[in-house]
Amino acid sequence: MDYNVRPPGGGLEGLGELDVVGYDFRNGRAFLCEVTTHIKGLQIGTYESTVRKITEKHARQRAYAASHLQRFDEIRFQFWSPRVPKGYLTERLSRIDGLELVINGQYRECVERLRLRAKVETQDAVNPFFRVLQILEAMQKE
């Protein structure tokens, strides 16, 4: 797993980082994930500019995959966000070809699965978020 991956070579291309690049070498899969954690709800300017920005980020995901992930049989492109207003944004984002949405309830379910896993795994996974979940789950209620 790599976080905030910048395409090699620098320049303008290197400015568009990828939030998460995950590798499943055993099954020949790679995951490119854009993550936007606006707690009060996803919005980057207007709704239209939000969709345009996510579309541009997805194009960068595809370009990175084409240049650097040829060895993988399957590449999944995802957008993660805990709060996306239902309606215009959810409908327009769902139209972006090849982009999986992990938003709202599905996002919450994924975090819940991590929380349950953190409850039983005690070794340090060298991931700060997961470690905090482990600590919170290990704390006894008084």
Protein backbone atom coordinates (compact mmCIF):
# COMPACT_ATOMS: atom_id res chain seq x y z
CA MET A 1 0.00 0.00 0.00
CA ASP A 2 1.35 3.40 -0.95
CA TYR A 3 -0.15 6.73 0.05
CA ASN A 4 0.07 10.10 -1.74
CA VAL A 5 1.88 8.58 -4.70
CA ARG A 6 3.33 11.11 -7.13
CA PRO A 7 4.04 10.03 -10.70
CA PRO A 8 7.79 9.92 -11.35
CA GLY A 9 9.49 12.64 -13.35
CA GLY A 10 8.19 15.65 -11.44
CA GLY A 11 6.91 18.68 -13.29
CA LEU A 12 3.19 19.20 -13.70
CA GLU A 13 2.52 15.47 -13.95
CA GLY A 14 4.08 14.96 -10.52
CA LEU A 15 1.72 17.47 -8.93
CA GLY A 16 -1.34 15.23 -9.27
CA GLU A 17 -0.78 12.69 -6.54
CA LEU A 18 -2.81 9.53 -6.09
CA ASP A 19 -4.16 9.18 -2.56
CA VAL A 20 -3.85 5.40 -2.24
CA VAL A 21 -2.35 2.75 -4.50
CA GLY A 22 -2.98 -0.77 -3.21
CA TYR A 23 -1.32 -3.91 -4.49
CA ASP A 24 -2.67 -7.46 -4.30
CA PHE A 25 0.28 -9.32 -5.81
CA ARG A 26 -1.13 -12.77 -5.02
CA ASN A 27 -4.23 -12.14 -7.16
CA GLY A 28 -2.69 -9.76 -9.70
CA ARG A 29 -4.87 -6.79 -8.71
CA ALA A 30 -4.13 -3.14 -8.10
CA PHE A 31 -6.39 -0.51 -6.58
CA LEU A 32 -6.13 3.22 -7.23
CA CYS A 33 -8.19 5.20 -4.77
CA GLU A 34 -9.05 8.86 -4.53
CA VAL A 35 -10.12 9.71 -0.98
CA THR A 36 -11.95 12.88 -0.04
CA THR A 37 -12.91 13.09 3.62
CA HIS A 38 -15.00 16.24 3.78
CA ILE A 39 -16.79 15.55 7.05
CA LYS A 40 -19.62 17.99 6.34
CA GLY A 41 -20.19 16.58 2.86
CA LEU A 42 -18.29 16.39 -0.40
CA GLN A 43 -18.11 19.67 -2.26
CA ILE A 44 -15.20 21.24 -4.11
CA GLY A 45 -16.62 24.61 -5.13
CA THR A 46 -19.92 23.98 -6.93
CA TYR A 47 -21.44 20.58 -7.54
CA GLU A 48 -20.41 20.88 -11.20
CA SER A 49 -16.81 21.67 -10.31
CA THR A 50 -16.82 18.79 -7.81
CA VAL A 51 -17.81 16.33 -10.55
CA ARG A 52 -15.25 17.86 -12.93
CA LYS A 53 -12.48 17.56 -10.30
CA ILE A 54 -13.28 13.91 -9.51
CA THR A 55 -13.44 13.16 -13.25
CA GLU A 56 -9.98 14.73 -13.70
CA LYS A 57 -8.60 12.72 -10.78
CA HIS A 58 -10.01 9.54 -12.32
CA ALA A 59 -8.26 10.40 -15.59
CA ARG A 60 -4.98 10.70 -13.64
CA GLN A 61 -5.64 7.30 -12.06
CA ARG A 62 -6.07 5.76 -15.51
CA ALA A 63 -2.95 7.46 -16.89
CA TYR A 64 -0.87 6.26 -13.93
CA ALA A 65 -2.19 2.71 -14.31
CA ALA A 66 -1.42 2.70 -18.04
CA SER A 67 2.14 3.87 -17.39
CA HIS A 68 3.06 1.98 -14.23
CA LEU A 69 0.74 -0.95 -13.54
CA GLN A 70 0.87 -3.05 -16.72
CA ARG A 71 1.87 -6.16 -14.77
CA PHE A 72 -1.51 -6.37 -13.03
CA ASP A 73 -4.38 -8.38 -14.54
CA GLU A 74 -7.06 -6.28 -12.86
CA ILE A 75 -6.98 -2.62 -11.93
CA ARG A 76 -9.79 -1.11 -9.90
CA PHE A 77 -10.37 2.62 -9.77
CA GLN A 78 -12.20 3.85 -6.69
CA PHE A 79 -13.45 7.04 -5.11
CA TRP A 80 -13.93 7.00 -1.33
CA SER A 81 -15.83 9.63 0.63
CA PRO A 82 -17.81 9.35 3.89
CA ARG A 83 -20.46 11.98 3.09
CA VAL A 84 -21.64 12.65 -0.44
CA PRO A 85 -24.95 14.50 -0.75
CA LYS A 86 -27.50 12.27 -2.46
CA GLY A 87 -28.93 13.57 -5.68
CA TYR A 88 -26.93 15.53 -8.23
CA LEU A 89 -23.50 14.45 -6.94
CA THR A 90 -24.24 10.78 -6.39
CA GLU A 91 -25.95 10.51 -9.77
CA ARG A 92 -23.25 12.33 -11.74
CA LEU A 93 -20.38 10.57 -9.99
CA SER A 94 -22.00 7.20 -10.72
CA ARG A 95 -21.82 8.07 -14.44
CA ILE A 96 -18.01 8.23 -14.47
CA ASP A 97 -17.09 5.17 -16.51
CA GLY A 98 -15.00 2.63 -14.63
CA LEU A 99 -14.99 4.48 -11.28
CA GLU A 100 -16.26 2.51 -8.30
CA LEU A 101 -17.88 4.64 -5.62
CA VAL A 102 -17.29 3.74 -1.98
CA ILE A 103 -19.39 6.45 -0.42
CA ASN A 104 -21.84 7.10 2.40
CA GLY A 105 -23.15 3.81 3.85
CA GLN A 106 -20.71 1.64 1.93
CA TYR A 107 -17.81 3.75 3.24
CA ARG A 108 -19.18 3.37 6.78
CA GLU A 109 -19.48 -0.42 6.31
CA CYS A 110 -15.83 -0.65 5.22
CA VAL A 111 -14.66 1.32 8.26
CA GLU A 112 -16.82 -0.90 10.47
CA ARG A 113 -15.14 -4.02 9.02
CA LEU A 114 -11.76 -2.47 9.79
CA ARG A 115 -12.89 -1.68 13.32
CA LEU A 116 -13.98 -5.29 13.88
CA ARG A 117 -10.67 -6.54 12.48
CA ALA A 118 -8.79 -4.13 14.73
CA LYS A 119 -10.59 -5.62 17.71
CA VAL A 120 -8.96 -9.03 17.20
CA GLU A 121 -5.59 -8.17 15.61
CA THR A 122 -3.01 -6.95 18.10
CA GLN A 123 0.20 -6.72 16.08
CA ASP A 124 1.18 -3.29 14.82
CA ALA A 125 0.22 -3.19 11.14
CA VAL A 126 2.44 -0.12 10.61
CA ASN A 127 -0.61 1.87 9.50
CA PRO A 128 -1.43 4.82 11.76
CA PHE A 129 -5.18 4.74 11.12
CA PHE A 130 -5.49 1.02 11.78
CA ARG A 131 -3.30 1.36 14.88
CA VAL A 132 -5.61 4.01 16.30
CA LEU A 133 -8.56 1.69 15.68
CA GLN A 134 -6.69 -1.08 17.51
CA ILE A 135 -6.05 1.23 20.46
CA LEU A 136 -9.65 2.43 20.62
CA GLU A 137 -10.95 -1.14 20.43
CA ALA A 138 -8.54 -2.27 23.17
CA MET A 139 -9.63 0.43 25.60
CA GLN A 140 -11.92 -0.90 28.30
CA LYS A 141 -15.18 0.84 29.04
CA GLU A 142 -15.49 1.88 32.65
